Amino acid sequence: MAHNLCIDHFRKHKRVTVTGDEKFSHLKSNINIEETVLRNETLNQIIAFIETLPDKQKQAILLSDVSDLTYEQSANIMGVSLANFKSSLFRGRQKIRKWEKGNRGDHT
């Protein structure tokens, strides 16, 4: 489910296609390939970590942060109260921050 929601998110936010000489000048001036690769690796690691979260926390993060739904919409989809949704979202985000802090030391 998380994988499909992330794919949907990236399909909605596709890159702009540029043709001709503009394509290469845009690539040289604005995109650092190494940064892009690192960003993609980090994103894949975050997605893998999100998959390990408890179901309510995982759903809250995917609905709110990936699908860009409001808290109320997300709570309705999950069938929980707004307070319960906010609690699940907070706990899930907190676990992600803790995981990121632990992994940041591995890459520096």
N, C-alpha and C. Protein backbone atom coordinates (compact mmCIF):
# COMPACT_ATOMS: atom_id res chain seq x y z
N MET A 1 0.82 -1.18 0.00
CA MET A 1 0.00 0.00 0.00
C MET A 1 0.88 1.26 0.00
N ALA A 2 1.90 1.28 0.86
CA ALA A 2 2.78 2.45 0.93
C ALA A 2 3.48 2.66 -0.39
N HIS A 3 3.92 1.58 -0.97
CA HIS A 3 4.63 1.66 -2.26
C HIS A 3 3.73 2.27 -3.33
N ASN A 4 2.48 1.81 -3.40
CA ASN A 4 1.55 2.33 -4.41
C ASN A 4 1.22 3.79 -4.17
N LEU A 5 1.05 4.19 -2.93
CA LEU A 5 0.76 5.60 -2.63
C LEU A 5 1.94 6.48 -3.01
N CYS A 6 3.15 6.02 -2.77
CA CYS A 6 4.32 6.80 -3.16
C CYS A 6 4.43 6.91 -4.67
N ILE A 7 4.15 5.82 -5.38
CA ILE A 7 4.18 5.86 -6.84
C ILE A 7 3.14 6.85 -7.35
N ASP A 8 1.93 6.81 -6.77
CA ASP A 8 0.88 7.76 -7.17
C ASP A 8 1.33 9.19 -6.92
N HIS A 9 1.97 9.42 -5.77
CA HIS A 9 2.44 10.77 -5.43
C HIS A 9 3.43 11.27 -6.48
N PHE A 10 4.38 10.42 -6.86
CA PHE A 10 5.40 10.84 -7.83
C PHE A 10 4.82 10.97 -9.23
N ARG A 11 3.79 10.21 -9.55
CA ARG A 11 3.14 10.38 -10.84
C ARG A 11 2.45 11.74 -10.93
N LYS A 12 1.88 12.18 -9.81
CA LYS A 12 1.22 13.49 -9.78
C LYS A 12 2.23 14.62 -9.94
N HIS A 13 3.44 14.40 -9.48
CA HIS A 13 4.45 15.46 -9.47
C HIS A 13 5.58 15.13 -10.44
N LYS A 14 5.22 14.79 -11.66
CA LYS A 14 6.22 14.44 -12.67
C LYS A 14 7.08 15.64 -13.01
N ARG A 15 8.27 15.34 -13.49
CA ARG A 15 9.16 16.40 -13.94
C ARG A 15 8.63 16.99 -15.24
N VAL A 16 9.00 18.23 -15.50
CA VAL A 16 8.65 18.89 -16.75
C VAL A 16 9.62 18.41 -17.81
N THR A 17 9.10 18.02 -18.97
CA THR A 17 9.95 17.55 -20.07
C THR A 17 10.36 18.75 -20.92
N VAL A 18 11.67 18.87 -21.15
CA VAL A 18 12.20 19.96 -21.96
C VAL A 18 12.82 19.34 -23.20
N THR A 19 12.64 20.00 -24.35
CA THR A 19 13.16 19.45 -25.60
C THR A 19 14.32 20.27 -26.13
N GLY A 20 15.08 19.68 -27.03
CA GLY A 20 16.16 20.39 -27.72
C GLY A 20 17.33 20.72 -26.82
N ASP A 21 18.02 21.82 -27.15
CA ASP A 21 19.21 22.24 -26.41
C ASP A 21 18.90 22.60 -24.96
N GLU A 22 17.67 23.06 -24.73
CA GLU A 22 17.28 23.42 -23.36
C GLU A 22 17.42 22.23 -22.43
N LYS A 23 17.20 21.04 -22.96
CA LYS A 23 17.26 19.83 -22.15
C LYS A 23 18.63 19.68 -21.50
N PHE A 24 19.68 19.87 -22.27
CA PHE A 24 21.03 19.67 -21.75
C PHE A 24 21.48 20.83 -20.87
N SER A 25 21.12 22.06 -21.20
CA SER A 25 21.53 23.18 -20.36
C SER A 25 20.83 23.11 -19.01
N HIS A 26 19.60 22.69 -19.01
CA HIS A 26 18.85 22.53 -17.75
C HIS A 26 19.51 21.45 -16.90
N LEU A 27 19.91 20.37 -17.52
CA LEU A 27 20.53 19.28 -16.81
C LEU A 27 21.86 19.70 -16.20
N LYS A 28 22.66 20.43 -16.93
CA LYS A 28 23.97 20.86 -16.44
C LYS A 28 23.86 21.86 -15.31
N SER A 29 22.92 22.78 -15.43
CA SER A 29 22.89 23.88 -14.47
C SER A 29 22.09 23.58 -13.21
N ASN A 30 21.07 22.75 -13.28
CA ASN A 30 20.18 22.62 -12.13
C ASN A 30 20.18 21.27 -11.43
N ILE A 31 20.71 20.25 -12.03
CA ILE A 31 20.60 18.92 -11.42
C ILE A 31 21.99 18.37 -11.13
N ASN A 32 22.22 18.09 -9.89
CA ASN A 32 23.43 17.41 -9.48
C ASN A 32 23.09 15.93 -9.38
N ILE A 33 23.64 15.13 -10.27
CA ILE A 33 23.27 13.72 -10.36
C ILE A 33 23.55 12.98 -9.05
N GLU A 34 24.65 13.29 -8.42
CA GLU A 34 24.98 12.62 -7.16
C GLU A 34 23.93 12.92 -6.09
N GLU A 35 23.51 14.18 -6.01
CA GLU A 35 22.47 14.55 -5.05
C GLU A 35 21.17 13.83 -5.34
N THR A 36 20.84 13.71 -6.62
CA THR A 36 19.61 13.04 -7.01
C THR A 36 19.65 11.57 -6.61
N VAL A 37 20.76 10.91 -6.84
CA VAL A 37 20.90 9.51 -6.47
C VAL A 37 20.79 9.34 -4.96
N LEU A 38 21.48 10.20 -4.20
CA LEU A 38 21.40 10.13 -2.75
C LEU A 38 19.99 10.39 -2.24
N ARG A 39 19.31 11.35 -2.85
CA ARG A 39 17.93 11.65 -2.46
C ARG A 39 17.03 10.45 -2.72
N ASN A 40 17.21 9.79 -3.87
CA ASN A 40 16.41 8.61 -4.19
C ASN A 40 16.69 7.46 -3.23
N GLU A 41 17.96 7.26 -2.89
CA GLU A 41 18.32 6.22 -1.93
C GLU A 41 17.68 6.49 -0.57
N THR A 42 17.75 7.74 -0.13
CA THR A 42 17.16 8.12 1.14
C THR A 42 15.65 7.92 1.11
N LEU A 43 15.01 8.31 0.02
CA LEU A 43 13.57 8.12 -0.11
C LEU A 43 13.21 6.65 -0.03
N ASN A 44 13.96 5.80 -0.70
CA ASN A 44 13.70 4.36 -0.66
C ASN A 44 13.87 3.81 0.75
N GLN A 45 14.86 4.32 1.48
CA GLN A 45 15.07 3.88 2.86
C GLN A 45 13.91 4.32 3.76
N ILE A 46 13.44 5.55 3.55
CA ILE A 46 12.32 6.05 4.34
C ILE A 46 11.06 5.24 4.05
N ILE A 47 10.82 4.94 2.78
CA ILE A 47 9.65 4.14 2.42
C ILE A 47 9.73 2.76 3.08
N ALA A 48 10.91 2.16 3.05
CA ALA A 48 11.10 0.85 3.69
C ALA A 48 10.84 0.94 5.19
N PHE A 49 11.30 2.03 5.81
CA PHE A 49 11.07 2.19 7.25
C PHE A 49 9.59 2.40 7.54
N ILE A 50 8.92 3.20 6.74
CA ILE A 50 7.49 3.44 6.93
C ILE A 50 6.72 2.12 6.90
N GLU A 51 7.14 1.22 6.03
CA GLU A 51 6.49 -0.10 5.94
C GLU A 51 6.57 -0.88 7.25
N THR A 52 7.57 -0.59 8.10
CA THR A 52 7.74 -1.32 9.36
C THR A 52 6.91 -0.72 10.50
N LEU A 53 6.34 0.46 10.30
CA LEU A 53 5.57 1.10 11.35
C LEU A 53 4.27 0.34 11.61
N PRO A 54 3.70 0.48 12.81
CA PRO A 54 2.37 -0.09 13.06
C PRO A 54 1.37 0.46 12.04
N ASP A 55 0.36 -0.34 11.72
CA ASP A 55 -0.58 0.00 10.65
C ASP A 55 -1.20 1.40 10.78
N LYS A 56 -1.67 1.76 11.97
CA LYS A 56 -2.32 3.07 12.12
C LYS A 56 -1.34 4.22 11.85
N GLN A 57 -0.12 4.09 12.33
CA GLN A 57 0.88 5.13 12.11
C GLN A 57 1.26 5.21 10.64
N LYS A 58 1.42 4.05 10.03
CA LYS A 58 1.77 4.00 8.60
C LYS A 58 0.65 4.63 7.77
N GLN A 59 -0.59 4.27 8.04
CA GLN A 59 -1.71 4.83 7.29
C GLN A 59 -1.82 6.34 7.49
N ALA A 60 -1.63 6.79 8.73
CA ALA A 60 -1.73 8.23 9.02
C ALA A 60 -0.69 9.01 8.23
N ILE A 61 0.54 8.52 8.19
CA ILE A 61 1.61 9.20 7.46
C ILE A 61 1.33 9.20 5.96
N LEU A 62 0.91 8.05 5.44
CA LEU A 62 0.66 7.96 4.00
C LEU A 62 -0.51 8.85 3.58
N LEU A 63 -1.57 8.86 4.35
CA LEU A 63 -2.73 9.68 3.99
C LEU A 63 -2.43 11.17 4.11
N SER A 64 -1.76 11.55 5.18
CA SER A 64 -1.51 12.97 5.42
C SER A 64 -0.33 13.51 4.63
N ASP A 65 0.80 12.83 4.70
CA ASP A 65 2.03 13.36 4.13
C ASP A 65 2.25 12.98 2.67
N VAL A 66 1.83 11.79 2.28
CA VAL A 66 2.05 11.36 0.90
C VAL A 66 0.87 11.76 0.01
N SER A 67 -0.35 11.50 0.50
CA SER A 67 -1.54 11.80 -0.31
C SER A 67 -2.03 13.23 -0.15
N ASP A 68 -1.45 13.98 0.78
CA ASP A 68 -1.82 15.39 1.02
C ASP A 68 -3.29 15.58 1.37
N LEU A 69 -3.85 14.65 2.11
CA LEU A 69 -5.22 14.82 2.58
C LEU A 69 -5.21 15.62 3.88
N THR A 70 -6.34 16.25 4.18
CA THR A 70 -6.44 16.97 5.45
C THR A 70 -6.51 15.97 6.59
N TYR A 71 -6.30 16.45 7.80
CA TYR A 71 -6.40 15.58 8.97
C TYR A 71 -7.80 14.98 9.06
N GLU A 72 -8.81 15.80 8.81
CA GLU A 72 -10.19 15.33 8.91
C GLU A 72 -10.47 14.25 7.86
N GLN A 73 -10.04 14.47 6.62
CA GLN A 73 -10.24 13.48 5.57
C GLN A 73 -9.53 12.18 5.92
N SER A 74 -8.31 12.30 6.40
CA SER A 74 -7.53 11.12 6.74
C SER A 74 -8.17 10.34 7.89
N ALA A 75 -8.64 11.05 8.90
CA ALA A 75 -9.30 10.40 10.04
C ALA A 75 -10.56 9.67 9.58
N ASN A 76 -11.32 10.30 8.69
CA ASN A 76 -12.54 9.66 8.18
C ASN A 76 -12.21 8.38 7.40
N ILE A 77 -11.18 8.43 6.57
CA ILE A 77 -10.79 7.25 5.80
C ILE A 77 -10.36 6.12 6.73
N MET A 78 -9.62 6.48 7.78
CA MET A 78 -9.14 5.46 8.73
C MET A 78 -10.25 5.00 9.67
N GLY A 79 -11.32 5.76 9.77
CA GLY A 79 -12.42 5.40 10.65
C GLY A 79 -12.10 5.60 12.12
N VAL A 80 -11.31 6.65 12.39
CA VAL A 80 -10.94 6.97 13.77
C VAL A 80 -11.27 8.43 14.05
N SER A 81 -11.23 8.79 15.33
CA SER A 81 -11.47 10.18 15.69
C SER A 81 -10.30 11.04 15.23
N LEU A 82 -10.54 12.34 15.14
CA LEU A 82 -9.48 13.27 14.75
C LEU A 82 -8.33 13.22 15.75
N ALA A 83 -8.65 13.15 17.03
CA ALA A 83 -7.61 13.09 18.07
C ALA A 83 -6.77 11.81 17.92
N ASN A 84 -7.42 10.70 17.64
CA ASN A 84 -6.71 9.43 17.46
C ASN A 84 -5.81 9.50 16.23
N PHE A 85 -6.32 10.11 15.16
CA PHE A 85 -5.51 10.26 13.95
C PHE A 85 -4.28 11.11 14.22
N LYS A 86 -4.47 12.25 14.87
CA LYS A 86 -3.34 13.14 15.16
C LYS A 86 -2.30 12.45 16.03
N SER A 87 -2.75 11.65 16.98
CA SER A 87 -1.83 10.91 17.85
C SER A 87 -1.03 9.89 17.04
N SER A 88 -1.68 9.16 16.16
CA SER A 88 -0.99 8.17 15.32
C SER A 88 0.01 8.86 14.39
N LEU A 89 -0.39 9.98 13.81
CA LEU A 89 0.49 10.73 12.92
C LEU A 89 1.71 11.23 13.68
N PHE A 90 1.49 11.81 14.86
CA PHE A 90 2.60 12.32 15.68
C PHE A 90 3.58 11.20 16.02
N ARG A 91 3.05 10.07 16.47
CA ARG A 91 3.92 8.95 16.87
C ARG A 91 4.70 8.41 15.67
N GLY A 92 4.04 8.31 14.53
CA GLY A 92 4.72 7.83 13.34
C GLY A 92 5.83 8.77 12.90
N ARG A 93 5.54 10.07 12.88
CA ARG A 93 6.55 11.06 12.50
C ARG A 93 7.70 11.06 13.49
N GLN A 94 7.37 10.88 14.77
CA GLN A 94 8.39 10.85 15.81
C GLN A 94 9.34 9.66 15.59
N LYS A 95 8.79 8.51 15.23
CA LYS A 95 9.62 7.33 14.97
C LYS A 95 10.50 7.55 13.74
N ILE A 96 9.96 8.21 12.74
CA ILE A 96 10.76 8.49 11.53
C ILE A 96 11.91 9.43 11.87
N ARG A 97 11.64 10.48 12.66
CA ARG A 97 12.70 11.41 13.05
C ARG A 97 13.79 10.69 13.85
N LYS A 98 13.38 9.83 14.77
CA LYS A 98 14.34 9.08 15.57
C LYS A 98 15.17 8.16 14.67
N TRP A 99 14.53 7.51 13.72
CA TRP A 99 15.24 6.63 12.78
C TRP A 99 16.21 7.44 11.93
N GLU A 100 15.76 8.61 11.43
CA GLU A 100 16.63 9.45 10.61
C GLU A 100 17.84 9.93 11.40
N LYS A 101 17.63 10.31 12.66
CA LYS A 101 18.73 10.77 13.49
C LYS A 101 19.75 9.66 13.68
N GLY A 102 19.30 8.44 13.88
CA GLY A 102 20.22 7.30 14.02
C GLY A 102 20.94 6.96 12.75
N ASN A 103 20.29 7.14 11.60
CA ASN A 103 20.92 6.84 10.32
C ASN A 103 21.82 7.95 9.82
N ARG A 104 21.58 9.17 10.23
CA ARG A 104 22.40 10.29 9.79
C ARG A 104 23.84 10.09 10.22
N GLY A 105 24.07 9.53 11.41
CA GLY A 105 25.42 9.27 11.89
C GLY A 105 26.15 8.24 11.05
N ASP A 106 25.39 7.33 10.41
CA ASP A 106 26.00 6.28 9.59
C ASP A 106 26.57 6.83 8.29
N HIS A 107 26.04 7.96 7.80
CA HIS A 107 26.41 8.46 6.48
C HIS A 107 27.32 9.68 6.52
N THR A 108 27.69 10.16 7.69
CA THR A 108 28.55 11.33 7.75
C THR A 108 29.97 10.99 8.04
